[in-house]
Amino acid sequence: MHLLIFDIDGTLCDTNYIDELCLVHSAQQVLNIQNISSDWSTYKQSTDSGIILELIETTNLHSESDMYSTVKKSFLELLEKYYYSNPEYFFPIPGAKNIIPLLIKEGFAIGIATGCWLDSAVFKLEKVGIQINNIPICSADNDIERVNIIKQCITDCSLYYNKDTFSAITYIGDGSWDLLAAKNLGIDFLGIAKGNRAIMLKELGAQHVFEEYSLLHEYLIQSI
């Protein structure tokens, strides 16, 4: 059984812009930091928890856990506020709404491993209309490192699908951090990206980057 693990932002949900906007704004407001970079590749860990903990560390603020919880709460509230005022920022990546049930029907095991917090992950998936049911999902609440988040997802999927091992494991994402995490784990990677993101992934060594899910699906079927 082939295990496919999906990222969320930019991979299933077209929410990169609003996610960056809300995270940066919340960090600026709570931590009183200006000029925060929204280039997640410049942080030690490109996850919500890793980014905020690094920002807190650089400010030498006291009560780290309190500040962390406050930023997280502010972020989730702002994300929800934007959904009701600007729903145009919440859309599925074309083809994403149908790809998971289709792949499950065809015998693939599916998991989700994301660098965002679980509450925001579930919120975004729900609002763009992607149904995941009981599929294992691991997030920045599990760990600050994407590699460890994916590892936990593999473990959870082994239990969920009652498999000691999988015939193959593939991580599907759109960011450089997704590709690097897959490389570090020694698992396959498939990119779903267009334009500069697609070029960037290919320059970093991604062998397969698809502009749309129909092409990614075709590749997976041919590889069985």
Protein backbone atom coordinates (compact mmCIF):
# COMPACT_ATOMS: atom_id res chain seq x y z
CA MET A 1 0.00 0.00 0.00
CA HIS A 2 1.38 3.36 -1.08
CA LEU A 3 1.12 6.11 1.55
CA LEU A 4 0.57 9.66 0.29
CA ILE A 5 1.03 12.47 2.82
CA PHE A 6 -0.27 15.91 1.90
CA ASP A 7 0.77 19.35 3.08
CA ILE A 8 -2.10 21.87 3.37
CA ASP A 9 -1.28 25.52 2.60
CA GLY A 10 -0.49 25.88 -1.09
CA THR A 11 -0.97 22.15 -1.59
CA LEU A 12 -4.60 21.42 -0.76
CA CYS A 13 -5.74 24.91 0.19
CA ASP A 14 -4.94 28.08 -1.73
CA THR A 15 -4.34 29.89 1.55
CA ASN A 16 -0.66 30.80 1.55
CA TYR A 17 -1.34 34.54 1.30
CA ILE A 18 -3.92 34.77 4.08
CA ASP A 19 -1.96 32.42 6.32
CA GLU A 20 1.17 34.57 6.01
CA LEU A 21 -0.81 37.77 6.51
CA CYS A 22 -2.52 36.56 9.69
CA LEU A 23 0.59 35.00 11.23
CA VAL A 24 2.76 38.07 10.63
CA HIS A 25 0.07 40.48 11.85
CA SER A 26 -0.59 38.47 15.01
CA ALA A 27 3.12 38.21 15.82
CA GLN A 28 3.61 41.95 15.26
CA GLN A 29 0.68 42.86 17.49
CA VAL A 30 1.39 40.48 20.36
CA LEU A 31 5.19 40.52 20.35
CA ASN A 32 5.54 44.17 19.28
CA ILE A 33 7.96 43.29 16.48
CA GLN A 34 7.99 45.10 13.15
CA ASN A 35 9.35 44.05 9.76
CA ILE A 36 8.71 40.35 10.31
CA SER A 37 9.73 38.26 7.30
CA SER A 38 7.00 36.17 5.68
CA ASP A 39 9.61 34.11 3.85
CA TRP A 40 9.32 30.99 5.97
CA SER A 41 12.48 29.50 4.45
CA THR A 42 14.52 32.08 6.43
CA TYR A 43 13.45 30.55 9.77
CA LYS A 44 15.06 27.59 11.49
CA GLN A 45 11.75 25.74 11.31
CA SER A 46 9.11 26.60 8.70
CA THR A 47 6.15 25.72 10.92
CA ASP A 48 3.74 27.97 12.81
CA SER A 49 5.11 26.81 16.15
CA GLY A 50 8.73 27.03 15.05
CA ILE A 51 8.35 30.51 13.56
CA ILE A 52 6.59 31.99 16.60
CA LEU A 53 8.96 30.38 19.11
CA GLU A 54 11.95 31.74 17.16
CA LEU A 55 10.43 35.23 17.13
CA ILE A 56 9.77 35.05 20.86
CA GLU A 57 13.35 33.91 21.46
CA THR A 58 14.77 36.83 19.47
CA THR A 59 12.81 39.35 21.55
CA ASN A 60 13.99 37.87 24.88
CA LEU A 61 10.43 38.11 26.15
CA HIS A 62 9.47 36.53 29.45
CA SER A 63 6.58 34.08 29.93
CA GLU A 64 7.32 32.34 26.65
CA SER A 65 4.40 29.91 26.90
CA ASP A 66 1.94 32.76 27.57
CA MET A 67 3.19 34.78 24.60
CA TYR A 68 3.06 31.71 22.36
CA SER A 69 -0.54 30.94 23.35
CA THR A 70 -1.55 34.57 22.87
CA VAL A 71 -0.10 34.74 19.34
CA LYS A 72 -1.77 31.46 18.45
CA LYS A 73 -5.14 32.64 19.75
CA SER A 74 -4.82 35.97 17.93
CA PHE A 75 -3.90 34.19 14.70
CA LEU A 76 -6.89 31.85 14.81
CA GLU A 77 -9.28 34.72 15.57
CA LEU A 78 -7.86 36.81 12.73
CA LEU A 79 -8.05 33.88 10.30
CA GLU A 80 -11.72 33.39 11.14
CA LYS A 81 -12.39 37.12 10.84
CA TYR A 82 -10.86 37.22 7.36
CA TYR A 83 -12.89 34.22 6.25
CA TYR A 84 -16.17 36.00 6.97
CA SER A 85 -15.03 39.37 5.58
CA ASN A 86 -12.85 38.17 2.67
CA PRO A 87 -13.87 34.63 1.67
CA GLU A 88 -12.02 35.07 -1.63
CA TYR A 89 -8.81 34.23 0.28
CA PHE A 90 -10.08 30.72 1.00
CA PHE A 91 -10.17 28.41 -2.00
CA PRO A 92 -9.03 24.86 -2.68
CA ILE A 93 -6.15 24.28 -5.03
CA PRO A 94 -7.84 23.26 -8.33
CA GLY A 95 -8.63 19.55 -8.20
CA ALA A 96 -7.86 19.21 -4.49
CA LYS A 97 -11.50 18.72 -3.42
CA ASN A 98 -11.74 15.46 -5.35
CA ILE A 99 -8.21 14.09 -5.20
CA ILE A 100 -8.30 12.53 -1.71
CA PRO A 101 -11.53 10.49 -2.07
CA LEU A 102 -10.40 9.45 -5.55
CA LEU A 103 -7.02 8.20 -4.32
CA ILE A 104 -8.59 6.38 -1.36
CA LYS A 105 -10.98 4.64 -3.74
CA GLU A 106 -7.99 3.57 -5.83
CA GLY A 107 -6.29 1.95 -2.84
CA PHE A 108 -3.83 4.60 -1.65
CA ALA A 109 -3.35 5.33 2.04
CA ILE A 110 -3.71 9.04 2.82
CA GLY A 111 -2.35 11.21 5.64
CA ILE A 112 -1.87 14.93 6.21
CA ALA A 113 1.24 16.52 7.72
CA THR A 114 1.22 20.30 7.89
CA GLY A 115 3.32 23.07 9.36
CA CYS A 116 0.24 24.97 10.50
CA TRP A 117 -1.54 24.49 13.82
CA LEU A 118 -4.26 21.83 13.95
CA ASP A 119 -7.15 24.22 14.60
CA SER A 120 -6.23 26.38 11.62
CA ALA A 121 -5.62 23.30 9.46
CA VAL A 122 -9.09 21.92 10.15
CA PHE A 123 -10.64 25.38 9.72
CA LYS A 124 -9.05 25.95 6.31
CA LEU A 125 -9.84 22.47 5.01
CA GLU A 126 -13.46 22.81 6.11
CA LYS A 127 -13.95 26.30 4.67
CA VAL A 128 -12.54 25.41 1.24
CA GLY A 129 -14.69 22.28 1.12
CA ILE A 130 -12.11 19.50 1.48
CA GLN A 131 -13.46 16.55 3.45
CA ILE A 132 -10.84 14.50 5.30
CA ASN A 133 -13.13 12.50 7.60
CA ASN A 134 -10.92 10.43 9.94
CA ILE A 135 -7.73 10.64 7.91
CA PRO A 136 -4.67 10.98 10.22
CA ILE A 137 -3.52 14.59 10.43
CA CYS A 138 -0.40 15.87 12.19
CA SER A 139 0.46 19.51 12.66
CA ALA A 140 2.63 22.14 14.32
CA ASP A 141 0.93 21.16 17.58
CA ASN A 142 2.77 17.83 17.40
CA ASP A 143 6.26 19.27 16.88
CA ILE A 144 8.07 22.38 15.66
CA GLU A 145 10.05 20.39 13.04
CA ARG A 146 8.33 19.39 9.80
CA VAL A 147 10.41 16.22 9.62
CA ASN A 148 9.07 15.09 12.99
CA ILE A 149 5.52 16.06 12.02
CA ILE A 150 5.78 13.81 8.95
CA LYS A 151 7.32 11.02 11.04
CA GLN A 152 4.40 11.19 13.45
CA CYS A 153 1.97 11.10 10.54
CA ILE A 154 3.64 7.95 9.18
CA THR A 155 3.32 6.32 12.61
CA ASP A 156 -0.34 7.36 12.90
CA CYS A 157 -1.07 6.08 9.39
CA SER A 158 0.55 2.73 10.19
CA LEU A 159 -1.91 2.34 13.06
CA TYR A 160 -4.87 3.71 11.13
CA TYR A 161 -4.36 1.46 8.10
CA ASN A 162 -3.03 -1.45 10.17
CA LYS A 163 0.21 -1.63 8.18
CA ASP A 164 3.66 -2.28 9.63
CA THR A 165 5.22 -0.94 6.45
CA PHE A 166 4.11 0.76 3.25
CA SER A 167 5.27 -0.15 -0.25
CA ALA A 168 6.18 3.52 -0.76
CA ILE A 169 5.78 6.83 1.08
CA THR A 170 5.41 10.11 -0.79
CA TYR A 171 5.09 13.63 0.60
CA ILE A 172 3.14 16.06 -1.57
CA GLY A 173 3.85 19.77 -1.09
CA ASP A 174 4.54 23.13 -2.67
CA GLY A 175 7.39 24.62 -0.61
CA SER A 176 11.14 24.21 -0.44
CA TRP A 177 10.72 23.07 3.18
CA ASP A 178 8.42 20.27 1.99
CA LEU A 179 11.01 19.01 -0.46
CA LEU A 180 13.86 19.25 2.07
CA ALA A 181 11.84 17.40 4.72
CA ALA A 182 11.14 14.57 2.28
CA LYS A 183 14.83 14.40 1.37
CA ASN A 184 15.85 14.28 5.04
CA LEU A 185 13.42 11.42 5.64
CA GLY A 186 14.48 9.53 2.54
CA ILE A 187 10.94 9.42 1.14
CA ASP A 188 9.63 10.43 -2.27
CA PHE A 189 8.39 13.93 -3.05
CA LEU A 190 5.85 15.22 -5.53
CA GLY A 191 5.40 18.94 -6.07
CA ILE A 192 2.12 20.67 -6.81
CA ALA A 193 3.02 24.20 -7.91
CA LYS A 194 2.99 26.74 -10.70
CA GLY A 195 5.21 29.59 -11.84
CA ASN A 196 8.11 30.61 -9.62
CA ARG A 197 7.31 28.00 -6.98
CA ALA A 198 7.52 25.23 -9.57
CA ILE A 199 10.80 26.62 -10.88
CA MET A 200 12.20 26.85 -7.35
CA LEU A 201 11.28 23.23 -6.56
CA LYS A 202 12.89 21.99 -9.76
CA GLU A 203 16.04 24.02 -9.07
CA LEU A 204 16.23 22.38 -5.64
CA GLY A 205 16.12 18.95 -7.24
CA ALA A 206 12.44 18.00 -7.35
CA GLN A 207 12.07 15.51 -10.19
CA HIS A 208 8.30 15.70 -10.48
CA VAL A 209 6.36 18.96 -10.15
CA PHE A 210 2.80 19.20 -11.46
CA GLU A 211 0.73 22.29 -12.19
CA GLU A 212 -2.56 20.54 -11.49
CA TYR A 213 -3.90 17.48 -9.69
CA SER A 214 -5.09 15.71 -12.84
CA LEU A 215 -1.46 15.43 -13.96
CA LEU A 216 -0.28 14.35 -10.50
CA HIS A 217 -3.04 11.74 -10.39
CA GLU A 218 -2.10 10.42 -13.82
CA TYR A 219 1.51 10.05 -12.70
CA LEU A 220 0.53 8.16 -9.54
CA ILE A 221 -1.70 5.74 -11.46
CA GLN A 222 1.08 5.02 -13.93
CA SER A 223 3.55 4.41 -11.09
CA ILE A 224 1.46 1.69 -9.41
